[in-house]
């Protein structure tokens, strides 16, 4: 979803934009934004080298996932194998900068919202370890290009996400299958994710948390989301995972001047769901 929102922002910013998809039916969607389209599968190393080699981009923005259909094994493969193909092809083509999508809930356990200097949770037990391994692989591979920005996004909500009207999490919460816990999460409206990717063209190398201003416990955010959705109040379940700590956006806000359009989930949930009511 981030890519679809990002393409018109790049075009309107005066950039010559090429969008990559592995589905023929998405070509028209890309071209409608004013961007050019190329068809290539991230797992097809030959096609990736050909696509990047022929178009010779100055910057590659890697927002590929398989999360819309909840295909977690394929998503891990994209982060590991797909990213390696993209980076290798980018290096061969002389790409000057790469911007890549990561996550803000991969940090090691702690009590406070994590800043970027907190280590990733490399010693996590299974099944979390599989997620962390895919993230560390992605970030390590992306850093092979000297000018790299790693966007550690919060949990997306808004159009086309799990938290959209009739999205996966919306349906789960409507049926009271999600308990409210003490676990802390940092949210991010998907429009803010796309805007940050645009701004990252001028950001320095390294990881940066792109999250809203208010990390939230489940006992706080879930009732607010349920009310905005028109769902029944959730059950409350004591406890949390120690890695559920949220993330700080101080670096993005104070050092880079980023300001989210949706600064908090408290109002953002209602705003993103209002037009469906």
Protein backbone atom coordinates (compact mmCIF):
# COMPACT_ATOMS: atom_id res chain seq x y z
CA UNK A 1 0.00 0.00 0.00
CA UNK A 2 2.86 2.41 0.73
CA UNK A 3 4.12 2.14 -2.85
CA UNK A 4 0.74 3.08 -4.32
CA UNK A 5 0.56 6.19 -2.14
CA UNK A 6 4.21 7.06 -2.72
CA UNK A 7 4.20 6.96 -6.54
CA UNK A 8 2.03 10.07 -7.08
CA UNK A 9 3.96 11.94 -4.38
CA UNK A 10 7.22 11.27 -6.24
CA UNK A 11 5.69 12.23 -9.59
CA UNK A 12 4.25 15.47 -8.18
CA UNK A 13 7.67 16.18 -6.70
CA UNK A 14 9.09 16.33 -10.21
CA UNK A 15 10.87 12.97 -10.18
CA UNK A 16 10.99 10.59 -13.14
CA UNK A 17 9.47 7.52 -11.49
CA UNK A 18 9.46 3.84 -12.44
CA UNK A 19 7.25 1.49 -10.46
CA UNK A 20 7.99 -2.23 -10.37
CA UNK A 21 5.33 -4.91 -10.04
CA UNK A 22 5.24 -8.64 -10.64
CA UNK A 23 1.59 -8.55 -11.72
CA UNK A 24 0.51 -7.48 -15.19
CA UNK A 25 -2.79 -6.12 -13.84
CA UNK A 26 -0.93 -3.60 -11.67
CA UNK A 27 0.78 -1.98 -14.64
CA UNK A 28 -2.19 0.27 -15.42
CA UNK A 29 -2.45 1.31 -11.75
CA UNK A 30 1.18 2.43 -11.78
CA UNK A 31 0.89 4.26 -15.08
CA UNK A 32 -2.25 6.08 -13.92
CA UNK A 33 -0.11 7.90 -11.33
CA UNK A 34 2.13 9.27 -14.07
CA UNK A 35 4.93 6.80 -13.40
CA UNK A 36 6.39 4.28 -15.82
CA UNK A 37 5.91 0.59 -15.07
CA UNK A 38 8.18 -2.43 -15.31
CA UNK A 39 7.18 -6.02 -14.61
CA UNK A 40 9.65 -8.10 -12.65
CA UNK A 41 9.50 -10.58 -9.79
CA UNK A 42 11.83 -9.85 -6.88
CA UNK A 43 12.75 -13.56 -6.79
CA UNK A 44 13.74 -13.61 -10.48
CA UNK A 45 17.33 -12.45 -10.20
CA UNK A 46 17.81 -12.17 -13.98
CA UNK A 47 14.70 -10.02 -14.40
CA UNK A 48 15.66 -7.77 -11.49
CA UNK A 49 19.14 -7.19 -12.91
CA UNK A 50 17.61 -6.48 -16.30
CA UNK A 51 14.95 -4.09 -14.94
CA UNK A 52 17.37 -2.05 -12.82
CA UNK A 53 20.19 -2.24 -15.35
CA UNK A 54 18.03 -0.97 -18.21
CA UNK A 55 16.30 1.83 -16.28
CA UNK A 56 19.46 3.02 -14.47
CA UNK A 57 17.74 4.67 -11.48
CA UNK A 58 19.64 7.01 -9.19
CA UNK A 59 17.57 5.87 -6.20
CA UNK A 60 15.78 2.61 -5.41
CA UNK A 61 12.91 2.68 -2.91
CA UNK A 62 12.19 -0.84 -1.67
CA UNK A 63 8.64 -1.16 -0.32
CA UNK A 64 7.92 -4.73 -1.41
CA UNK A 65 5.91 -6.96 0.97
CA UNK A 66 3.39 -9.81 0.94
CA UNK A 67 1.55 -8.56 3.99
CA UNK A 68 -1.74 -7.60 2.34
CA UNK A 69 -2.56 -11.32 1.98
CA UNK A 70 -0.79 -12.26 5.24
CA UNK A 71 1.73 -14.48 3.48
CA UNK A 72 4.39 -14.27 6.17
CA UNK A 73 6.72 -16.91 4.74
CA UNK A 74 6.80 -15.15 1.37
CA UNK A 75 7.25 -11.81 3.11
CA UNK A 76 10.33 -13.17 4.90
CA UNK A 77 11.62 -14.45 1.58
CA UNK A 78 11.15 -10.98 0.06
CA UNK A 79 13.12 -9.45 2.92
CA UNK A 80 15.96 -11.92 2.53
CA UNK A 81 16.18 -13.17 -1.07
CA UNK A 82 14.29 -10.36 -2.79
CA UNK A 83 16.27 -7.67 -1.02
CA UNK A 84 19.56 -9.35 -1.90
CA UNK A 85 18.58 -9.43 -5.57
CA UNK A 86 17.52 -5.78 -5.52
CA UNK A 87 20.69 -4.64 -3.76
CA UNK A 88 23.02 -6.68 -5.96
CA UNK A 89 21.33 -5.33 -9.09
CA UNK A 90 21.42 -1.80 -7.70
CA UNK A 91 25.13 -2.00 -6.94
CA UNK A 92 25.83 -3.36 -10.43
CA UNK A 93 23.89 -0.47 -11.95
CA UNK A 94 25.61 2.17 -9.84
CA UNK A 95 22.52 3.18 -7.86
CA UNK A 96 23.46 6.06 -5.57
CA UNK A 97 20.88 5.58 -2.80
CA UNK A 98 18.47 2.96 -1.48
CA UNK A 99 15.52 3.51 0.85
CA UNK A 100 13.95 0.40 2.38
CA UNK A 101 10.95 -0.53 4.51
CA UNK A 102 11.65 -2.13 7.88
CA UNK A 103 9.66 -2.31 11.14
CA UNK A 104 9.83 -0.64 14.56
CA UNK A 105 8.85 -3.67 16.68
CA UNK A 106 12.04 -5.68 16.11
CA UNK A 107 13.95 -4.20 19.07
CA UNK A 108 15.17 -6.23 22.04
CA UNK A 109 13.01 -6.25 25.20
CA UNK A 110 12.86 -3.14 27.36
CA UNK A 111 10.61 -0.87 29.37
CA UNK A 112 10.86 2.34 27.36
CA UNK A 113 10.04 3.24 23.77
CA UNK A 114 13.04 2.13 21.69
CA UNK A 115 15.33 4.58 19.93
CA UNK A 116 17.42 3.59 16.94
CA UNK A 117 20.49 2.83 19.06
CA UNK A 118 18.70 -0.04 20.82
CA UNK A 119 19.86 -3.41 19.37
CA UNK A 120 17.47 -5.58 17.41
CA UNK A 121 16.11 -8.63 19.21
CA UNK A 122 18.57 -11.12 17.69
CA UNK A 123 18.29 -13.52 20.64
CA UNK A 124 14.51 -13.77 20.43
CA UNK A 125 12.98 -17.25 20.78
CA UNK A 126 10.93 -18.84 18.01
CA UNK A 127 8.62 -17.97 16.37
CA UNK A 128 9.67 -14.30 16.78
CA UNK A 129 13.23 -15.20 15.80
CA UNK A 130 12.15 -15.88 12.19
CA UNK A 131 10.80 -12.32 11.95
CA UNK A 132 13.94 -10.82 13.49
CA UNK A 133 16.22 -12.86 11.23
CA UNK A 134 14.41 -11.58 8.14
CA UNK A 135 14.65 -7.97 9.36
CA UNK A 136 18.35 -8.19 10.27
CA UNK A 137 19.03 -9.75 6.86
CA UNK A 138 17.14 -6.97 5.06
CA UNK A 139 18.87 -4.18 6.98
CA UNK A 140 22.32 -5.73 6.65
CA UNK A 141 21.88 -6.21 2.91
CA UNK A 142 20.54 -2.70 2.32
CA UNK A 143 23.53 -1.25 4.18
CA UNK A 144 25.81 -2.67 1.45
CA UNK A 145 24.89 0.49 -0.45
CA UNK A 146 26.68 3.31 1.38
CA UNK A 147 23.83 5.82 1.07
CA UNK A 148 20.94 3.91 2.61
CA UNK A 149 17.91 4.91 4.67
CA UNK A 150 16.10 2.20 6.61
CA UNK A 151 12.57 3.25 7.53
CA UNK A 152 11.51 1.40 10.67
CA UNK A 153 7.78 1.92 10.30
CA UNK A 154 5.15 1.63 13.00
CA UNK A 155 2.09 -0.59 12.65
CA UNK A 156 0.17 0.70 9.65
CA UNK A 157 -3.44 1.82 9.78
CA UNK A 158 -5.54 3.59 7.19
CA UNK A 159 -6.45 2.78 3.59
CA UNK A 160 -5.52 -0.71 2.42
CA UNK A 161 -4.11 -1.88 5.77
CA UNK A 162 -5.18 -4.56 8.26
CA UNK A 163 -6.78 -1.80 10.33
CA UNK A 164 -8.84 -0.36 7.49
CA UNK A 165 -12.61 -0.83 7.44
CA UNK A 166 -13.09 -4.57 6.73
CA UNK A 167 -9.35 -5.17 7.03
CA UNK A 168 -8.07 -8.28 8.81
CA UNK A 169 -7.65 -6.67 12.24
CA UNK A 170 -10.94 -4.82 11.91
CA UNK A 171 -12.75 -8.12 11.40
CA UNK A 172 -10.88 -9.74 14.30
CA UNK A 173 -11.78 -6.88 16.62
CA UNK A 174 -15.40 -6.79 15.46
CA UNK A 175 -15.65 -10.43 16.56
CA UNK A 176 -13.84 -9.74 19.87
CA UNK A 177 -10.96 -12.05 19.00
CA UNK A 178 -8.29 -9.52 20.07
CA UNK A 179 -7.80 -8.94 23.81
CA UNK A 180 -6.49 -5.66 25.18
CA UNK A 181 -3.14 -6.19 26.96
CA UNK A 182 -0.39 -4.09 28.52
CA UNK A 183 1.74 -4.59 25.40
CA UNK A 184 2.88 -1.31 23.82
CA UNK A 185 2.74 -0.65 20.08
CA UNK A 186 3.61 2.34 17.91
CA UNK A 187 1.19 3.10 15.09
CA UNK A 188 1.63 4.97 11.81
CA UNK A 189 -0.92 6.11 9.28
CA UNK A 190 0.02 4.74 5.88
CA UNK A 191 -0.07 8.25 4.37
CA UNK A 192 2.64 9.25 6.84
CA UNK A 193 4.66 6.21 5.81
CA UNK A 194 4.56 7.27 2.16
CA UNK A 195 5.39 10.88 3.00
CA UNK A 196 8.40 9.80 5.06
CA UNK A 197 9.69 7.72 2.14
CA UNK A 198 9.51 10.82 -0.05
CA UNK A 199 11.38 12.93 2.51
CA UNK A 200 13.96 10.19 3.02
CA UNK A 201 15.46 11.10 -0.35
CA UNK A 202 17.18 13.87 1.61
CA UNK A 203 17.84 12.05 4.87
CA UNK A 204 21.25 10.76 6.00
CA UNK A 205 22.14 7.06 5.98
CA UNK A 206 21.00 4.72 8.70
CA UNK A 207 17.85 3.50 10.41
CA UNK A 208 15.10 5.85 11.55
CA UNK A 209 11.89 5.10 13.43
CA UNK A 210 8.88 6.41 11.51
CA UNK A 211 6.06 6.15 14.03
CA UNK A 212 3.42 8.46 15.46
CA UNK A 213 3.96 10.53 18.58
CA UNK A 214 2.27 8.26 21.11
CA UNK A 215 3.30 4.64 21.76
CA UNK A 216 0.25 2.96 23.27
CA UNK A 217 -0.71 0.07 25.51
CA UNK A 218 -3.35 -2.24 24.12
CA UNK A 219 -5.63 -1.41 27.04
CA UNK A 220 -5.53 2.21 25.82
CA UNK A 221 -5.61 2.03 22.02
CA UNK A 222 -7.85 -1.00 21.45
CA UNK A 223 -10.99 0.45 23.08
CA UNK A 224 -10.49 3.67 21.05
CA UNK A 225 -10.13 1.73 17.80
CA UNK A 226 -13.09 -0.53 18.63
CA UNK A 227 -15.29 2.50 19.31
CA UNK A 228 -14.24 4.16 16.04
CA UNK A 229 -15.00 0.90 14.23
CA UNK A 230 -18.35 0.45 15.94
CA UNK A 231 -17.17 -2.80 17.50
CA UNK A 232 -17.92 -4.10 21.01
CA UNK A 233 -15.47 -3.28 23.79
CA UNK A 234 -12.56 -5.77 23.89
CA UNK A 235 -11.79 -8.20 26.67
CA UNK A 236 -8.84 -7.26 28.87
CA UNK A 237 -5.96 -9.70 29.31
CA UNK A 238 -3.20 -8.95 31.85
CA UNK A 239 0.48 -8.97 30.86
CA UNK A 240 2.58 -8.30 27.79
CA UNK A 241 5.57 -9.57 25.83
CA UNK A 242 8.71 -7.76 27.01
CA UNK A 243 9.54 -6.72 23.42
CA UNK A 244 6.19 -4.91 23.11
CA UNK A 245 7.72 -1.56 24.01
CA UNK A 246 6.89 0.81 21.14
CA UNK A 247 9.38 3.12 19.47
CA UNK A 248 10.44 6.76 19.73
CA UNK A 249 10.20 9.11 16.73
CA UNK A 250 12.50 11.73 18.30
CA UNK A 251 15.18 11.26 15.64
CA UNK A 252 12.77 11.71 12.74
CA UNK A 253 11.04 14.70 14.34
CA UNK A 254 13.91 16.55 15.98
CA UNK A 255 16.85 15.71 13.71
CA UNK A 256 15.10 15.36 10.34
CA UNK A 257 12.13 17.68 10.79
CA UNK A 258 9.52 15.04 9.97
CA UNK A 259 6.02 15.76 11.27
CA UNK A 260 3.25 13.17 10.96
CA UNK A 261 -0.03 14.24 9.42
CA UNK A 262 -1.68 11.90 11.92
CA UNK A 263 0.32 12.55 15.13
CA UNK A 264 -1.68 10.16 17.29
CA UNK A 265 -3.91 7.12 16.92
CA UNK A 266 -6.33 8.75 19.37
CA UNK A 267 -7.72 10.92 16.59
CA UNK A 268 -6.24 9.06 13.61
CA UNK A 269 -8.36 5.93 14.03
CA UNK A 270 -11.60 7.91 13.94
CA UNK A 271 -10.41 10.05 11.02
CA UNK A 272 -9.37 7.04 8.94
CA UNK A 273 -12.62 5.16 9.57
CA UNK A 274 -15.07 8.09 9.53
CA UNK A 275 -15.96 7.97 5.83
CA UNK A 276 -17.23 4.38 6.23
CA UNK A 277 -19.70 5.27 8.99
